[in-house]
Protein backbone atom coordinates (compact mmCIF):
# COMPACT_ATOMS: atom_id res chain seq x y z
CA MET A 1 -44.01 -115.43 26.59
CA SER A 2 -47.08 -116.66 24.78
CA ILE A 3 -47.44 -120.10 23.26
CA LEU A 4 -47.56 -119.13 19.61
CA PHE A 5 -46.57 -122.14 17.53
CA THR A 6 -48.86 -124.88 18.79
CA ASP A 7 -50.90 -125.95 15.73
CA ILE A 8 -47.89 -127.21 13.78
CA LYS A 9 -47.47 -129.66 10.92
CA TYR A 10 -43.99 -130.72 9.87
CA PHE A 11 -42.13 -133.18 7.70
CA SER A 12 -38.49 -133.97 6.95
CA HIS A 13 -37.11 -136.65 4.64
CA SER A 14 -33.89 -137.68 2.95
CA GLU A 15 -33.15 -140.45 0.48
CA LYS A 16 -29.76 -140.79 2.16
CA ALA A 17 -29.05 -142.55 5.44
CA TYR A 18 -28.66 -139.07 6.95
CA ASN A 19 -30.51 -135.81 6.39
CA GLU A 20 -28.69 -132.53 5.72
CA ASP A 21 -31.95 -130.67 6.31
CA ALA A 22 -33.06 -129.97 9.87
CA TYR A 23 -35.92 -128.24 11.63
CA GLY A 24 -36.81 -126.93 15.05
CA ILE A 25 -40.14 -126.20 16.72
CA GLY A 26 -40.87 -124.44 20.00
CA PRO A 27 -43.70 -122.45 21.57
CA ASN A 28 -42.23 -119.21 20.24
CA TYR A 29 -40.22 -120.27 17.15
CA MET A 30 -40.01 -122.55 14.15
CA PHE A 31 -37.21 -122.95 11.62
CA VAL A 32 -35.85 -125.00 8.74
CA LEU A 33 -32.19 -125.47 7.82
CA ASP A 34 -30.87 -126.82 4.53
CA GLY A 35 -27.24 -127.89 4.67
CA ALA A 36 -24.90 -127.78 1.68
CA THR A 37 -21.85 -130.04 1.61
CA GLY A 38 -18.63 -128.33 0.62
CA LEU A 39 -17.38 -129.05 -2.88
CA GLY A 40 -14.19 -130.64 -1.61
CA LYS A 41 -13.65 -134.39 -1.33
CA LYS A 42 -12.87 -134.56 2.36
CA GLU A 43 -15.23 -134.72 5.32
CA ILE A 44 -13.58 -133.53 8.51
CA MET A 45 -16.14 -133.20 11.28
CA HIS A 46 -18.55 -136.10 10.76
CA PRO A 47 -18.48 -139.38 8.80
CA HIS A 48 -21.85 -138.52 7.23
CA SER A 49 -20.83 -135.08 5.99
CA ASP A 50 -19.58 -131.76 7.29
CA ALA A 51 -22.91 -130.24 6.23
CA TYR A 52 -24.71 -132.69 8.52
CA TRP A 53 -22.40 -131.66 11.38
CA PHE A 54 -22.84 -127.94 10.68
CA VAL A 55 -26.64 -128.11 10.44
CA SER A 56 -26.87 -130.24 13.58
CA GLU A 57 -24.77 -127.75 15.53
CA ILE A 58 -26.78 -124.74 14.33
CA LYS A 59 -30.03 -126.55 15.09
CA GLU A 60 -29.02 -127.28 18.67
CA HIS A 61 -27.79 -123.72 19.12
CA LEU A 62 -31.09 -122.24 17.95
CA ILE A 63 -33.18 -124.58 20.08
CA SER A 64 -31.11 -123.84 23.19
CA THR A 65 -31.15 -120.05 22.74
CA LEU A 66 -34.64 -119.42 21.34
CA LYS A 67 -36.29 -121.05 24.34
CA ASP A 68 -35.02 -118.14 26.42
CA GLY A 69 -36.20 -115.33 24.15
CA PRO A 70 -36.10 -113.85 20.64
CA PHE A 71 -33.36 -114.58 18.13
CA GLN A 72 -30.14 -112.70 18.82
CA VAL A 73 -27.52 -112.04 16.16
CA SER A 74 -24.79 -111.77 18.80
CA LEU A 75 -25.35 -115.33 20.02
CA LEU A 76 -25.22 -116.73 16.49
CA LYS A 77 -21.96 -114.85 15.93
CA GLN A 78 -20.49 -116.52 19.01
CA LYS A 79 -21.62 -119.95 17.82
CA ARG A 80 -20.12 -119.41 14.36
CA ALA A 81 -16.76 -118.46 15.88
CA GLN A 82 -16.83 -121.55 18.10
CA LEU A 83 -17.61 -123.87 15.18
CA TYR A 84 -14.97 -122.27 12.97
CA ALA A 85 -12.34 -122.81 15.66
CA GLN A 86 -13.34 -126.47 15.97
CA TYR A 87 -13.24 -126.90 12.20
CA GLN A 88 -9.81 -125.33 11.83
CA LYS A 89 -8.40 -127.38 14.68
CA ALA A 90 -9.64 -130.55 12.97
CA GLY A 91 -7.85 -129.64 9.72
CA GLY A 92 -10.25 -127.28 8.00
CA ASN A 93 -7.60 -124.55 7.82
CA GLN A 94 -6.28 -126.34 4.74
CA LEU A 95 -9.55 -125.92 2.82
CA SER A 96 -11.01 -123.07 0.77
CA SER A 97 -14.34 -121.44 1.56
CA ALA A 98 -16.08 -123.36 -1.22
CA GLU A 99 -14.93 -126.63 0.32
CA MET A 100 -16.49 -125.79 3.69
CA PRO A 101 -20.08 -126.59 4.69
CA SER A 102 -22.86 -124.02 4.68
CA ALA A 103 -26.60 -123.87 5.30
CA CYS A 104 -29.65 -121.90 4.25
CA ILE A 105 -32.14 -120.92 6.94
CA ALA A 106 -35.78 -119.85 7.30
CA LEU A 107 -36.49 -118.83 10.92
CA PHE A 108 -39.73 -117.47 12.35
CA TYR A 109 -39.87 -116.31 15.95
CA GLU A 110 -41.98 -114.25 18.31
CA ASP A 111 -40.75 -110.91 19.63
CA GLY A 112 -43.30 -109.21 21.84
CA GLU A 113 -46.40 -108.58 19.72
CA ASP A 114 -44.52 -109.26 16.47
CA LEU A 115 -43.85 -112.27 14.30
CA CYS A 116 -40.29 -111.98 12.90
CA PHE A 117 -38.51 -113.69 10.02
CA PHE A 118 -34.77 -114.15 9.49
CA GLY A 119 -33.75 -115.89 6.28
CA MET A 120 -30.59 -116.67 4.33
CA GLY A 121 -30.29 -118.58 1.07
CA ASP A 122 -32.99 -120.49 -0.77
CA CYS A 123 -35.00 -121.81 2.14
CA TYR A 124 -38.49 -120.32 1.89
CA GLY A 125 -40.30 -118.19 4.43
CA ILE A 126 -43.95 -117.67 3.53
CA VAL A 127 -46.44 -115.56 5.47
CA GLU A 128 -50.15 -115.24 4.75
CA LEU A 129 -51.77 -112.21 6.35
CA MET A 130 -55.36 -111.92 7.54
CA ASP A 131 -56.24 -109.72 4.55
CA GLY A 132 -55.18 -112.51 2.14
CA THR A 133 -51.81 -110.99 1.22
CA ILE A 134 -49.05 -113.60 0.84
CA GLU A 135 -45.37 -112.68 1.19
CA ILE A 136 -42.61 -115.04 0.03
CA TYR A 137 -38.96 -114.72 1.09
CA SER A 138 -36.06 -116.58 -0.52
CA ASP A 139 -32.76 -115.50 -2.06
CA PRO A 140 -33.30 -114.89 -5.80
CA ILE A 141 -29.57 -114.75 -6.49
CA LEU A 142 -28.96 -118.31 -5.33
CA GLU A 143 -31.98 -119.47 -7.30
CA SER A 144 -30.66 -117.75 -10.44
CA LEU A 145 -27.24 -119.38 -9.99
CA ASP A 146 -28.91 -122.79 -9.73
CA GLN A 147 -30.95 -122.08 -12.85
CA LYS A 148 -27.77 -121.14 -14.73
CA ALA A 149 -26.20 -124.45 -13.70
CA MET A 150 -29.26 -126.45 -14.75
CA THR A 151 -29.39 -124.66 -18.10
CA ARG A 152 -25.81 -125.81 -18.69
CA MET A 153 -26.78 -129.37 -17.63
CA LYS A 154 -29.56 -129.35 -20.22
CA GLU A 155 -27.13 -128.24 -22.93
CA ILE A 156 -24.65 -130.98 -21.99
CA SER A 157 -27.35 -133.65 -21.88
CA GLN A 158 -28.36 -132.72 -25.42
CA GLU A 159 -24.80 -132.47 -26.70
CA LYS A 160 -23.71 -135.80 -25.22
CA GLN A 161 -27.10 -137.52 -25.59
CA ILE A 162 -27.12 -138.48 -21.91
CA PRO A 163 -29.86 -138.22 -19.27
CA PHE A 164 -30.19 -134.77 -17.70
CA LEU A 165 -29.23 -135.87 -14.17
CA GLU A 166 -26.04 -137.53 -15.45
CA ALA A 167 -24.86 -134.17 -16.80
CA ARG A 168 -24.19 -132.81 -13.31
CA LYS A 169 -20.73 -134.41 -13.18
CA TYR A 170 -19.70 -132.22 -16.11
CA ILE A 171 -20.51 -128.88 -14.44
CA GLN A 172 -18.32 -129.08 -11.33
CA ASP A 173 -16.35 -125.97 -12.33
CA LEU A 174 -19.58 -123.98 -12.70
CA LEU A 175 -20.89 -125.26 -9.35
CA LEU A 176 -17.59 -124.26 -7.75
CA ALA A 177 -17.79 -120.78 -9.26
CA ASN A 178 -21.36 -120.43 -7.98
CA ARG A 179 -20.36 -121.59 -4.51
CA LYS A 180 -17.62 -118.95 -4.44
CA MET A 181 -20.38 -116.33 -4.67
CA ARG A 182 -21.52 -117.18 -1.15
CA ASN A 183 -21.46 -114.13 1.12
CA GLN A 184 -19.63 -112.09 -1.50
CA PRO A 185 -20.66 -108.73 -2.98
CA ASN A 186 -23.36 -109.36 -5.61
CA GLY A 187 -23.60 -112.95 -4.39
CA TYR A 188 -26.00 -114.81 -2.12
CA HIS A 189 -26.09 -115.15 1.65
CA ALA A 190 -25.96 -118.37 3.67
CA LEU A 191 -24.77 -119.47 7.06
CA ASP A 192 -21.19 -120.68 6.94
CA LEU A 193 -18.07 -120.89 9.10
CA GLU A 194 -16.41 -117.64 8.02
CA TRP A 195 -19.02 -114.88 7.45
CA ASP A 196 -21.05 -113.48 10.33
CA HIS A 197 -22.29 -110.02 9.36
CA TYR A 198 -25.81 -111.12 10.19
CA GLU A 199 -26.83 -107.56 10.96
CA GLN A 200 -26.83 -107.05 7.17
CA ILE A 201 -29.69 -109.52 6.82
CA PRO A 202 -33.07 -107.78 7.09
CA ILE A 203 -35.46 -109.05 9.75
CA HIS A 204 -39.07 -108.85 8.57
CA ARG A 205 -41.82 -108.12 11.10
CA TRP A 206 -45.59 -108.40 11.21
CA LYS A 207 -48.07 -107.85 14.02
CA LEU A 208 -49.10 -111.28 15.26
CA ASN A 209 -52.79 -110.47 15.07
CA ASN A 210 -52.35 -109.73 11.35
CA VAL A 211 -50.85 -113.15 10.53
CA LYS A 212 -52.94 -116.12 9.43
CA ARG A 213 -50.56 -118.89 8.31
CA VAL A 214 -46.78 -119.39 8.17
CA LEU A 215 -44.59 -121.84 6.25
CA ALA A 216 -40.84 -122.46 6.51
CA ALA A 217 -39.47 -124.87 3.91
CA SER A 218 -36.32 -126.10 2.24
CA ASP A 219 -36.12 -125.75 -1.53
CA GLY A 220 -36.45 -129.53 -1.72
CA PHE A 221 -40.03 -129.18 -0.52
CA TYR A 222 -40.89 -125.99 -2.39
CA GLU A 223 -39.96 -127.82 -5.58
CA ILE A 224 -43.59 -128.94 -5.56
CA MET A 225 -44.45 -125.56 -7.11
CA HIS A 226 -42.58 -126.47 -10.32
CA TYR A 227 -44.63 -129.49 -11.43
CA ASN A 228 -47.85 -127.76 -12.51
CA ILE A 229 -49.83 -129.63 -9.86
CA ILE A 230 -50.12 -126.74 -7.40
CA HIS A 231 -50.54 -123.40 -9.12
CA THR A 232 -50.54 -120.78 -6.38
CA THR A 233 -48.95 -120.36 -2.98
CA LYS A 234 -52.42 -120.05 -1.42
CA GLU A 235 -53.32 -123.40 -2.95
CA LEU A 236 -50.22 -124.89 -1.32
CA LEU A 237 -51.11 -123.41 2.08
CA ASP A 238 -54.70 -124.65 1.77
CA LEU A 239 -53.50 -128.17 0.97
CA LEU A 240 -51.09 -128.15 3.89
CA SER A 241 -53.95 -127.03 6.14
CA SER A 242 -56.27 -129.79 4.97
CA ASP A 243 -53.92 -132.71 4.29
CA SER A 244 -50.17 -132.23 4.66
CA LYS A 245 -49.50 -135.92 3.97
CA GLN A 246 -51.24 -135.62 0.63
CA THR A 247 -48.98 -132.67 -0.18
CA ILE A 248 -45.91 -134.86 0.24
CA ARG A 249 -47.47 -137.66 -1.79
CA LEU A 250 -48.10 -135.22 -4.63
CA LEU A 251 -44.48 -134.08 -4.58
CA PHE A 252 -42.98 -137.57 -4.44
CA ASP A 253 -45.32 -138.89 -7.16
CA ALA A 254 -44.43 -135.92 -9.38
CA GLN A 255 -40.71 -136.63 -8.92
CA ASP A 256 -41.17 -140.34 -9.62
CA ASN A 257 -43.16 -139.53 -12.76
CA ASP A 258 -40.32 -137.26 -13.94
CA PRO A 259 -37.28 -139.55 -13.47
CA GLN A 260 -35.17 -137.75 -16.08
CA ALA A 261 -35.92 -134.29 -14.60
CA ILE A 262 -37.48 -133.05 -17.84
CA LEU A 263 -40.62 -131.44 -16.45
CA CYS A 264 -38.73 -130.06 -13.44
CA PRO A 265 -34.98 -129.67 -14.04
CA ARG A 266 -33.12 -130.36 -10.78
CA PHE A 267 -29.77 -131.58 -9.50
CA LYS A 268 -30.99 -134.91 -8.15
CA HIS A 269 -34.09 -137.07 -8.35
CA ARG A 270 -35.23 -136.17 -4.82
CA ASP A 271 -33.51 -133.58 -2.68
CA ASP A 272 -33.74 -133.53 1.11
CA CYS A 273 -37.21 -132.19 1.83
CA THR A 274 -38.41 -130.35 4.93
CA PHE A 275 -41.22 -128.04 5.96
CA VAL A 276 -42.77 -126.61 9.13
CA PHE A 277 -46.25 -125.11 8.82
CA THR A 278 -48.61 -123.47 11.28
CA THR A 279 -51.90 -121.60 11.45
CA ILE A 280 -51.72 -118.66 13.88
CA ASN A 281 -55.12 -117.01 13.49
């Protein structure tokens, strides 16, 4: 197996004492996970959050299995079943699907002469090819559900004359309805404890010698594209290549200069933020 992912830049940050994002890097893989806490009020598996537990378990599973070869759907199915059994034994059998943790994923890995991508949810997988073509993968359905929720937050903030971010507490029913769309027909896909039809998720492939640069990112990082400071995906990749720390400074400064989430509507001032970036050719 070749050593593919060697020239890697990465970053992960949370405003909380714990991070519900995670990432993994190896000679033949790189991935980002973005955990989502269930909408219930009870944490069962970890005092931080069940999302933190779920993401940590999936991270360790991927690291332990990808070192031996390409990603295998069957192994992830086995891990999901194991985690679900643990969760139910601890009391999770009393909770609905929307109250259980989930996670989005952007996974790149080597398979022979190919670079492969497996993605679920609104983590971003971005590939720049040698001919300058850029391909972006993320779930548009989840993004549209989030936009619907933020549109309602804007309406409430205007109706009640309250700051935009304070309006989130008034849309819990809408957030619950959106969460119930996870892994349902006409809904969005994400890793969770119940659904494991991963063979339905397309795996994208490119010849390695055709790939220039690759980025895996949580939506908390890709938010940088919504502040009118970086205008194209190529511009983002160029900045990551030249100065990845400056990229983060630009994002954090933009968030701090938009404390009421007017320029960039969002659910919180600063979401967990993670990326892994590499140049292949």
